[in-house]
Amino acid sequence: MDMAPGDELPRLRMAPRESAEEITRRIERERRAAATQREGELEGSLKPHRVGSVPYLNSVPLTRGLEEEICFAPPSRLAEMLERDELEAALLSISAVLFSERYDILDGIAIASLGEVKSVVVGHRKPLSEVREILCDTASLTSVNLLKVLLAERGLHPELKPLPDYAAAREAECVLLIGDPAIDFVRAGTGHELWDLGEAWFELTRLPFVYAVWAIRRGAGSPKLCRLLREARDFGMDTLDHIISSRPEYDLDFRKDYLGWHIHYHLGSDERRGIQRFIELLEKHSLGPVHPPRYIS
């Protein structure tokens, strides 16, 4: 079409250019909106399944969005509840799973470390070779059995006794602690030498150590339950920076180091090799009977 004299093409109106700060704010708003939507989709989704987890900082990324529906208890208590069929699934210490034929392991998810873990430690005031008695936190069977294996591999067999309460740990000559109480103990500077069992395991085997897995009562592992536990872990991993920055435990630098480096949350071929090596050492030192793990997806 010919244009009449004086006619002009309309000018294209360009969107105003965003500054770097505005782009950052927009991306953050979109990220928060997406996270809120994912959280809303997970809320209330576990029903009618009953699921338990541990009340420690290292488990937070595995239950993102499901917190209101989770029963929180120490590992030993969760094992009792699962044994009594009060739960369908629980974040259970690996020993509790290996010592029973009743549970399957949800593949792909774990609480594990490759080296120093920071939250499974022995505090001792004299060389380990001179220790005759170790007071042990009874919250986790796995940590006690890991300690037994590591000591036996060194030819050491001190007597292991239950720790009466956490207040007694500061005065003990030798004590095993796990989870947040272990972190509190390390950060308190009690004067004990520290033996990190994650680091000791890696030095012995060159493999990751798996502390806890999603144990599902055999026959109760519905596709919905497995999917929701995976979605919660994925949500936790996708928002790990938010978890690290917003949690109240300890200081930001520690949370970055602990959750972003020392702990990892995948259960792959190396972790399964670590579990198998643990089984071999439990059997070698007559700490069984141990049942082969069965992984489900």
Protein backbone atom coordinates (compact mmCIF):
# COMPACT_ATOMS: atom_id res chain seq x y z
CA MET A 1 0.00 0.00 0.00
CA ASP A 2 1.36 3.43 -0.91
CA MET A 3 1.73 5.85 1.95
CA ALA A 4 0.18 9.28 1.64
CA PRO A 5 2.56 12.19 1.95
CA GLY A 6 3.15 13.00 5.60
CA ASP A 7 2.18 9.53 6.84
CA GLU A 8 4.70 7.99 9.24
CA LEU A 9 5.17 4.49 10.49
CA PRO A 10 4.18 4.20 14.19
CA ARG A 11 7.15 4.02 16.48
CA LEU A 12 7.76 0.76 18.30
CA ARG A 13 7.50 1.20 22.02
CA MET A 14 10.43 -0.55 23.73
CA ALA A 15 10.15 -1.95 27.23
CA PRO A 16 12.27 0.06 29.64
CA ARG A 17 15.66 -1.49 30.18
CA GLU A 18 16.02 -3.16 33.58
CA SER A 19 18.98 -2.41 35.74
CA ALA A 20 21.03 -5.28 37.12
CA GLU A 21 19.48 -4.66 40.53
CA GLU A 22 15.95 -4.80 39.09
CA ILE A 23 16.72 -8.01 37.22
CA THR A 24 18.05 -9.56 40.43
CA ARG A 25 14.92 -8.53 42.34
CA ARG A 26 12.63 -9.89 39.61
CA ILE A 27 14.44 -13.23 39.49
CA GLU A 28 14.26 -13.47 43.27
CA ARG A 29 10.50 -12.74 43.22
CA GLU A 30 10.00 -15.43 40.59
CA ARG A 31 12.13 -17.88 42.57
CA ARG A 32 10.15 -17.22 45.75
CA ALA A 33 6.86 -17.60 43.91
CA ALA A 34 7.96 -20.94 42.44
CA ALA A 35 9.16 -22.15 45.85
CA THR A 36 5.88 -21.11 47.48
CA GLN A 37 3.95 -23.01 44.83
CA ARG A 38 6.05 -26.17 45.32
CA GLU A 39 5.69 -25.89 49.09
CA GLY A 40 1.93 -25.54 48.74
CA GLU A 41 1.75 -28.61 46.53
CA LEU A 42 3.62 -30.69 49.13
CA GLU A 43 1.66 -29.46 52.18
CA GLY A 44 -0.88 -32.01 53.31
CA SER A 45 0.20 -34.44 50.59
CA LEU A 46 1.53 -37.24 52.82
CA LYS A 47 -1.83 -38.28 54.20
CA PRO A 48 -2.62 -41.04 55.03
CA HIS A 49 1.05 -42.10 55.22
CA ARG A 50 2.86 -41.72 58.55
CA VAL A 51 6.49 -40.68 58.20
CA GLY A 52 9.21 -39.93 60.75
CA SER A 53 12.49 -38.05 60.61
CA VAL A 54 15.23 -36.92 62.98
CA PRO A 55 15.23 -33.46 64.62
CA TYR A 56 18.75 -32.59 63.43
CA LEU A 57 19.98 -29.84 61.14
CA ASN A 58 21.37 -32.35 58.63
CA SER A 59 17.90 -33.79 57.90
CA VAL A 60 16.22 -30.46 57.07
CA PRO A 61 16.77 -30.62 53.27
CA LEU A 62 15.07 -34.05 53.09
CA THR A 63 11.71 -32.95 54.47
CA ARG A 64 11.29 -29.56 52.76
CA GLY A 65 7.57 -28.84 52.41
CA LEU A 66 6.52 -31.84 54.50
CA GLU A 67 7.58 -30.54 57.93
CA GLU A 68 4.07 -30.16 59.34
CA GLU A 69 3.27 -33.80 58.61
CA ILE A 70 6.50 -35.40 59.84
CA CYS A 71 6.93 -37.04 63.24
CA PHE A 72 10.33 -35.92 64.56
CA ALA A 73 12.22 -38.19 66.98
CA PRO A 74 15.77 -39.49 67.59
CA PRO A 75 16.88 -42.36 65.31
CA SER A 76 16.49 -45.03 68.00
CA ARG A 77 12.92 -43.88 68.73
CA LEU A 78 12.06 -43.88 65.01
CA ALA A 79 13.32 -47.46 64.75
CA GLU A 80 10.99 -48.47 67.59
CA MET A 81 8.02 -46.74 65.96
CA LEU A 82 8.70 -48.34 62.60
CA GLU A 83 9.11 -51.74 64.24
CA ARG A 84 5.69 -51.32 65.91
CA ASP A 85 4.11 -50.32 62.57
CA GLU A 86 3.37 -46.81 63.88
CA LEU A 87 5.08 -45.43 60.76
CA GLU A 88 5.25 -46.48 57.13
CA ALA A 89 8.61 -44.79 56.55
CA ALA A 90 11.33 -43.16 58.61
CA LEU A 91 14.74 -41.61 58.14
CA LEU A 92 16.49 -44.48 59.87
CA SER A 93 20.10 -45.17 60.74
CA ILE A 94 21.59 -47.62 58.25
CA SER A 95 22.36 -50.19 60.97
CA ALA A 96 18.71 -50.40 61.97
CA VAL A 97 17.84 -51.22 58.36
CA LEU A 98 20.62 -53.76 57.90
CA PHE A 99 19.72 -55.58 61.12
CA SER A 100 16.12 -56.14 60.05
CA GLU A 101 14.40 -57.96 57.20
CA ARG A 102 11.33 -55.74 57.41
CA TYR A 103 12.52 -52.64 55.55
CA ASP A 104 13.34 -51.50 52.05
CA ILE A 105 15.64 -48.57 51.26
CA LEU A 106 14.40 -45.77 49.03
CA ASP A 107 17.14 -45.61 46.44
CA GLY A 108 18.84 -42.33 45.57
CA ILE A 109 18.46 -40.55 48.93
CA ALA A 110 20.67 -40.68 52.02
CA ILE A 111 22.46 -38.67 54.64
CA ALA A 112 26.11 -39.40 53.91
CA SER A 113 29.59 -37.94 53.99
CA LEU A 114 32.79 -38.37 52.04
CA GLY A 115 35.26 -37.65 54.78
CA GLU A 116 34.85 -35.36 57.77
CA VAL A 117 31.21 -35.15 58.85
CA LYS A 118 31.37 -32.81 61.90
CA SER A 119 28.39 -34.41 63.67
CA VAL A 120 29.57 -37.93 64.55
CA VAL A 121 32.56 -37.50 66.85
CA VAL A 122 34.43 -39.09 69.70
CA GLY A 123 35.84 -36.67 72.24
CA HIS A 124 38.75 -38.11 74.24
CA ARG A 125 41.16 -36.73 76.85
CA LYS A 126 43.78 -39.47 76.46
CA PRO A 127 45.05 -41.39 73.41
CA LEU A 128 42.47 -43.82 72.04
CA SER A 129 44.87 -46.70 72.60
CA GLU A 130 44.71 -45.98 76.35
CA VAL A 131 40.93 -45.56 76.57
CA ARG A 132 39.19 -48.32 78.54
CA GLU A 133 35.63 -46.95 78.48
CA ILE A 134 33.59 -44.84 76.04
CA LEU A 135 30.24 -43.31 76.93
CA CYS A 136 28.01 -43.53 73.85
CA ASP A 137 25.07 -41.46 72.73
CA THR A 138 22.33 -44.09 72.36
CA ALA A 139 20.35 -42.05 69.82
CA SER A 140 21.90 -43.86 66.85
CA LEU A 141 22.76 -47.54 66.52
CA THR A 142 24.77 -46.81 63.37
CA SER A 143 27.22 -44.48 65.09
CA VAL A 144 27.87 -47.01 67.84
CA ASN A 145 28.44 -49.78 65.30
CA LEU A 146 30.65 -47.56 63.17
CA LEU A 147 32.70 -46.82 66.28
CA LYS A 148 32.97 -50.55 67.06
CA VAL A 149 34.17 -51.29 63.53
CA LEU A 150 36.73 -48.49 63.48
CA LEU A 151 38.10 -49.47 66.91
CA ALA A 152 38.23 -53.17 66.02
CA GLU A 153 40.16 -52.40 62.84
CA ARG A 154 42.74 -50.74 65.10
CA GLY A 155 42.76 -53.72 67.45
CA LEU A 156 41.03 -51.72 70.19
CA HIS A 157 38.14 -53.03 72.29
CA PRO A 158 37.22 -50.58 75.05
CA GLU A 159 33.97 -51.06 76.95
CA LEU A 160 31.09 -49.05 75.47
CA LYS A 161 28.52 -47.75 77.94
CA PRO A 162 25.38 -45.62 77.46
CA LEU A 163 25.84 -41.89 77.99
CA PRO A 164 23.46 -41.05 80.89
CA ASP A 165 22.74 -37.53 79.63
CA TYR A 166 24.31 -34.88 77.43
CA ALA A 167 25.43 -32.82 80.42
CA ALA A 168 27.76 -35.68 81.37
CA ALA A 169 29.57 -35.46 78.03
CA ARG A 170 31.69 -32.45 78.98
CA GLU A 171 33.22 -34.24 81.95
CA ALA A 172 33.64 -37.66 80.32
CA GLU A 173 37.13 -38.88 79.53
CA CYS A 174 35.85 -40.39 76.28
CA VAL A 175 32.43 -39.89 74.70
CA LEU A 176 30.66 -40.57 71.38
CA LEU A 177 28.11 -37.97 70.27
CA ILE A 178 25.98 -37.60 67.16
CA GLY A 179 23.84 -34.98 65.44
CA ASP A 180 23.30 -31.52 66.87
CA PRO A 181 24.57 -32.51 70.36
CA ALA A 182 27.87 -33.50 68.70
CA ILE A 183 28.07 -30.13 66.94
CA ASP A 184 27.31 -28.34 70.23
CA PHE A 185 30.03 -30.35 71.96
CA VAL A 186 32.65 -29.57 69.30
CA ARG A 187 31.81 -25.86 69.25
CA ALA A 188 31.84 -25.61 73.04
CA GLY A 189 35.61 -26.23 73.15
CA THR A 190 35.62 -28.72 76.02
CA GLY A 191 39.32 -29.48 75.76
CA HIS A 192 38.79 -32.96 74.34
CA GLU A 193 40.69 -34.20 71.34
CA LEU A 194 38.23 -34.97 68.55
CA TRP A 195 38.01 -38.08 66.38
CA ASP A 196 35.64 -37.49 63.49
CA LEU A 197 34.22 -40.89 62.52
CA GLY A 198 33.33 -39.82 58.98
CA GLU A 199 36.96 -38.89 58.39
CA ALA A 200 38.16 -42.10 60.06
CA TRP A 201 35.88 -44.20 57.82
CA PHE A 202 37.16 -42.48 54.68
CA GLU A 203 40.77 -43.00 55.73
CA LEU A 204 40.03 -46.71 56.20
CA THR A 205 37.95 -47.39 53.07
CA ARG A 206 38.19 -44.41 50.67
CA LEU A 207 34.41 -44.66 50.42
CA PRO A 208 31.48 -42.52 51.57
CA PHE A 209 29.72 -43.48 54.76
CA VAL A 210 25.93 -43.61 54.75
CA TYR A 211 24.46 -42.67 58.14
CA ALA A 212 20.75 -42.69 57.38
CA VAL A 213 18.33 -43.66 54.63
CA TRP A 214 14.60 -43.56 54.04
CA ALA A 215 13.55 -46.94 55.42
CA ILE A 216 10.14 -48.03 54.19
CA ARG A 217 8.25 -50.85 55.81
CA ARG A 218 8.23 -53.71 53.33
CA GLY A 219 4.96 -53.64 51.42
CA ALA A 220 4.19 -50.02 52.41
CA GLY A 221 6.32 -48.36 49.72
CA SER A 222 3.52 -47.02 47.55
CA PRO A 223 4.49 -45.07 44.41
CA LYS A 224 2.91 -41.95 45.96
CA LEU A 225 4.96 -42.18 49.16
CA CYS A 226 8.22 -42.73 47.25
CA ARG A 227 7.41 -39.87 44.88
CA LEU A 228 6.65 -37.43 47.70
CA LEU A 229 9.87 -38.23 49.57
CA ARG A 230 11.81 -37.67 46.34
CA GLU A 231 10.01 -34.41 45.64
CA ALA A 232 10.74 -33.16 49.17
CA ARG A 233 14.46 -33.96 48.77
CA ASP A 234 14.55 -32.30 45.32
CA PHE A 235 12.82 -29.23 46.76
CA GLY A 236 15.35 -29.16 49.61
CA MET A 237 18.28 -29.39 47.21
CA ASP A 238 16.85 -26.72 44.89
CA THR A 239 16.37 -24.36 47.85
CA LEU A 240 19.47 -25.34 49.84
CA ASP A 241 20.80 -21.77 49.75
CA HIS A 242 17.54 -20.58 51.34
CA ILE A 243 17.73 -23.29 54.01
CA ILE A 244 21.33 -22.37 54.79
CA SER A 245 20.56 -18.65 55.01
CA SER A 246 17.31 -18.93 56.99
CA ARG A 247 17.86 -21.66 59.57
CA PRO A 248 18.57 -20.44 63.12
CA GLU A 249 21.05 -23.16 64.12
CA TYR A 250 24.62 -22.01 64.64
CA ASP A 251 26.13 -19.38 62.35
CA LEU A 252 25.85 -18.87 58.60
CA ASP A 253 29.43 -19.92 57.81
CA PHE A 254 29.00 -23.16 59.72
CA ARG A 255 25.70 -23.95 57.98
CA LYS A 256 27.29 -23.31 54.58
CA ASP A 257 30.19 -25.60 55.40
CA TYR A 258 28.13 -28.33 57.04
CA LEU A 259 25.12 -28.58 54.71
CA GLY A 260 26.93 -27.56 51.55
CA TRP A 261 30.12 -29.57 51.91
CA HIS A 262 30.36 -32.11 54.73
CA ILE A 263 26.92 -33.68 54.27
CA HIS A 264 25.53 -34.92 50.98
CA TYR A 265 22.11 -36.34 50.22
CA HIS A 266 22.46 -38.74 47.31
CA LEU A 267 22.65 -42.52 47.40
CA GLY A 268 24.50 -43.66 44.30
CA SER A 269 26.90 -46.43 43.37
CA ASP A 270 29.71 -45.19 45.65
CA GLU A 271 27.35 -44.91 48.61
CA ARG A 272 26.03 -48.42 47.96
CA ARG A 273 29.64 -49.65 47.88
CA GLY A 274 30.15 -47.91 51.22
CA ILE A 275 27.12 -49.71 52.66
CA GLN A 276 28.42 -53.03 51.34
CA ARG A 277 31.84 -52.40 52.91
CA PHE A 278 30.16 -51.59 56.21
CA ILE A 279 28.25 -54.88 55.99
CA GLU A 280 31.51 -56.77 55.38
CA LEU A 281 33.17 -55.18 58.41
CA LEU A 282 30.14 -55.74 60.64
CA GLU A 283 30.28 -59.44 59.71
CA LYS A 284 34.06 -59.59 60.06
CA HIS A 285 33.81 -58.36 63.65
CA SER A 286 30.71 -60.45 64.50
CA LEU A 287 28.40 -57.46 64.84
CA GLY A 288 25.52 -59.02 62.89
CA PRO A 289 23.46 -60.74 61.76
CA VAL A 290 23.20 -58.42 58.78
CA HIS A 291 20.60 -58.67 56.04
CA PRO A 292 21.31 -57.64 52.42
CA PRO A 293 19.77 -54.24 51.67
CA ARG A 294 16.90 -54.10 49.19
CA TYR A 295 16.59 -50.86 47.26
CA ILE A 296 13.30 -49.66 45.80
CA SER A 297 12.55 -46.76 43.51
